[in-house]
């Protein structure tokens, strides 16, 4: 299974980079994970929030594969337990690859939210768009451990 995480901007915090690297390494025996960091779009006098989100959507859209299952991370998305998320991943395993979309500071543009096959929320709380990358790869690792009977999820 190929899984891609597509997100604007580079992660600058070392602890987040290290966490992502650790879980990416752990995931390598279960799937191929690729993190695609697209160009960052900044708010400016000529870019309001909607323009920033639209420009990010245009950039992210260039990376999407129509045959992949597209999951947009969104605060209003579906909530899963870790076990349910593992089951969801298992249902896709062997049939479809997955593109996870993480919006920038202001979230995903409506265009990407509508294009997604599923909107997924990690919590009723809000996380930074960089922090959620690490949480996502950890949950992916946890899912594959659950599916393969590995001692990680108790």
Protein backbone atom coordinates (compact mmCIF):
# COMPACT_ATOMS: atom_id res chain seq x y z
CA UNK A 1 0.00 0.00 0.00
CA UNK A 2 1.24 3.47 -0.89
CA UNK A 3 0.27 6.34 1.40
CA UNK A 4 1.03 9.96 0.66
CA UNK A 5 0.66 12.91 3.00
CA UNK A 6 0.36 16.13 1.02
CA UNK A 7 0.74 19.36 2.97
CA UNK A 8 1.87 22.96 2.48
CA UNK A 9 5.16 24.18 3.90
CA UNK A 10 8.12 22.49 5.50
CA UNK A 11 8.13 21.40 9.11
CA UNK A 12 10.58 23.60 10.96
CA UNK A 13 10.36 22.25 14.50
CA UNK A 14 13.07 19.64 15.09
CA UNK A 15 10.97 17.54 17.49
CA UNK A 16 8.23 17.22 14.86
CA UNK A 17 10.74 16.32 12.14
CA UNK A 18 12.28 13.67 14.41
CA UNK A 19 8.87 12.20 15.28
CA UNK A 20 7.85 12.02 11.64
CA UNK A 21 11.19 10.41 10.72
CA UNK A 22 10.84 7.83 13.50
CA UNK A 23 7.32 6.75 12.54
CA UNK A 24 8.12 6.84 8.83
CA UNK A 25 10.97 4.41 9.51
CA UNK A 26 8.70 2.17 11.59
CA UNK A 27 6.03 2.22 8.86
CA UNK A 28 8.46 1.09 6.16
CA UNK A 29 7.78 -2.60 6.86
CA UNK A 30 4.02 -2.09 6.40
CA UNK A 31 3.61 0.44 3.59
CA UNK A 32 5.37 2.99 1.44
CA UNK A 33 4.87 6.42 3.02
CA UNK A 34 5.70 9.61 1.18
CA UNK A 35 5.37 13.06 2.67
CA UNK A 36 5.01 15.76 0.04
CA UNK A 37 5.62 19.26 1.37
CA UNK A 38 4.32 21.74 -1.17
CA UNK A 39 5.13 25.43 -1.49
CA UNK A 40 3.93 27.52 1.42
CA UNK A 41 1.53 30.38 0.62
CA UNK A 42 1.75 33.39 2.91
CA UNK A 43 -0.88 35.86 3.96
CA UNK A 44 0.00 39.30 2.59
CA UNK A 45 -1.58 42.57 1.55
CA UNK A 46 -2.56 40.93 -1.74
CA UNK A 47 -3.51 37.51 -0.25
CA UNK A 48 -6.45 37.23 2.11
CA UNK A 49 -7.28 33.96 3.89
CA UNK A 50 -9.51 32.67 1.09
CA UNK A 51 -6.87 33.46 -1.54
CA UNK A 52 -4.22 31.65 0.52
CA UNK A 53 -6.46 28.58 0.82
CA UNK A 54 -7.28 28.67 -2.90
CA UNK A 55 -3.61 28.92 -3.91
CA UNK A 56 -2.74 26.06 -1.57
CA UNK A 57 -5.57 24.01 -3.12
CA UNK A 58 -4.22 24.64 -6.62
CA UNK A 59 -0.75 23.50 -5.59
CA UNK A 60 -1.98 20.44 -3.67
CA UNK A 61 -4.37 19.53 -6.49
CA UNK A 62 -1.44 19.03 -8.87
CA UNK A 63 -0.24 16.12 -6.71
CA UNK A 64 -3.54 14.27 -6.36
CA UNK A 65 -4.07 10.97 -8.12
CA UNK A 66 -7.67 10.33 -9.14
CA UNK A 67 -7.46 6.61 -8.43
CA UNK A 68 -6.22 7.17 -4.86
CA UNK A 69 -8.60 7.38 -1.93
CA UNK A 70 -8.41 11.01 -0.81
CA UNK A 71 -8.73 11.81 2.89
CA UNK A 72 -8.84 15.46 3.92
CA UNK A 73 -8.00 16.30 7.51
CA UNK A 74 -10.67 18.68 8.72
CA UNK A 75 -11.98 19.72 12.12
CA UNK A 76 -15.53 18.83 11.03
CA UNK A 77 -14.60 15.41 9.69
CA UNK A 78 -15.43 11.93 10.93
CA UNK A 79 -13.95 10.85 14.25
CA UNK A 80 -12.52 7.33 14.57
CA UNK A 81 -11.12 5.36 17.45
CA UNK A 82 -7.66 3.97 16.68
CA UNK A 83 -9.14 0.49 16.23
CA UNK A 84 -11.84 1.78 13.86
CA UNK A 85 -9.23 3.75 11.91
CA UNK A 86 -7.15 0.58 11.57
CA UNK A 87 -10.21 -1.24 10.23
CA UNK A 88 -10.81 1.56 7.76
CA UNK A 89 -7.19 1.33 6.54
CA UNK A 90 -7.54 -2.44 6.31
CA UNK A 91 -10.60 -2.10 4.06
CA UNK A 92 -8.54 -0.01 1.62
CA UNK A 93 -5.42 -2.18 1.82
CA UNK A 94 -4.85 -4.09 -1.37
CA UNK A 95 -7.41 -2.10 -3.35
CA UNK A 96 -6.52 1.60 -3.17
CA UNK A 97 -3.65 3.83 -2.23
CA UNK A 98 -4.33 6.81 0.03
CA UNK A 99 -3.64 10.52 -0.25
CA UNK A 100 -3.99 12.40 3.04
CA UNK A 101 -4.46 16.15 2.61
CA UNK A 102 -3.47 18.57 5.34
CA UNK A 103 -4.32 22.21 4.83
CA UNK A 104 -2.16 25.12 5.85
CA UNK A 105 -2.67 27.51 8.75
CA UNK A 106 -6.26 28.23 7.67
CA UNK A 107 -7.28 24.67 6.84
CA UNK A 108 -8.36 23.08 3.57
CA UNK A 109 -10.07 25.04 0.83
CA UNK A 110 -13.67 24.01 0.09
CA UNK A 111 -12.51 22.66 -3.27
CA UNK A 112 -10.26 20.08 -1.55
CA UNK A 113 -12.86 19.28 1.09
CA UNK A 114 -15.36 18.50 -1.69
CA UNK A 115 -12.84 16.46 -3.66
CA UNK A 116 -12.03 14.26 -0.65
CA UNK A 117 -13.59 10.82 -0.39
CA UNK A 118 -13.55 11.25 3.39
CA UNK A 119 -13.05 14.15 5.78
CA UNK A 120 -11.23 12.98 8.91
CA UNK A 121 -10.96 14.73 12.25
CA UNK A 122 -8.41 13.73 14.85
CA UNK A 123 -10.15 15.49 17.71
CA UNK A 124 -12.58 18.19 18.64
CA UNK A 125 -9.44 20.12 19.58
CA UNK A 126 -7.33 22.00 17.05
CA UNK A 127 -3.72 21.07 16.24
CA UNK A 128 -1.21 22.98 14.18
CA UNK A 129 -0.97 21.91 10.56
CA UNK A 130 2.61 20.84 11.23
CA UNK A 131 1.91 18.96 14.47
CA UNK A 132 -0.90 16.94 12.88
CA UNK A 133 1.60 15.45 10.41
CA UNK A 134 3.38 13.67 13.24
CA UNK A 135 0.11 12.60 14.84
CA UNK A 136 -1.09 11.21 11.51
CA UNK A 137 2.01 9.09 10.87
CA UNK A 138 1.89 7.83 14.47
CA UNK A 139 -1.75 6.77 14.01
CA UNK A 140 -0.88 5.09 10.72
CA UNK A 141 1.85 3.13 12.49
CA UNK A 142 -0.57 2.28 15.31
CA UNK A 143 -3.12 1.08 12.72
CA UNK A 144 -0.68 -1.27 11.04
CA UNK A 145 0.42 -2.60 14.45
CA UNK A 146 -3.21 -3.31 15.32
CA UNK A 147 -3.78 -5.02 11.97
CA UNK A 148 -0.64 -7.13 12.31
CA UNK A 149 -0.98 -8.06 15.99
CA UNK A 150 2.12 -6.11 17.05
CA UNK A 151 2.53 -4.97 20.64
CA UNK A 152 2.04 -1.23 20.42
CA UNK A 153 -1.66 -0.55 20.99
CA UNK A 154 -2.98 -1.56 24.41
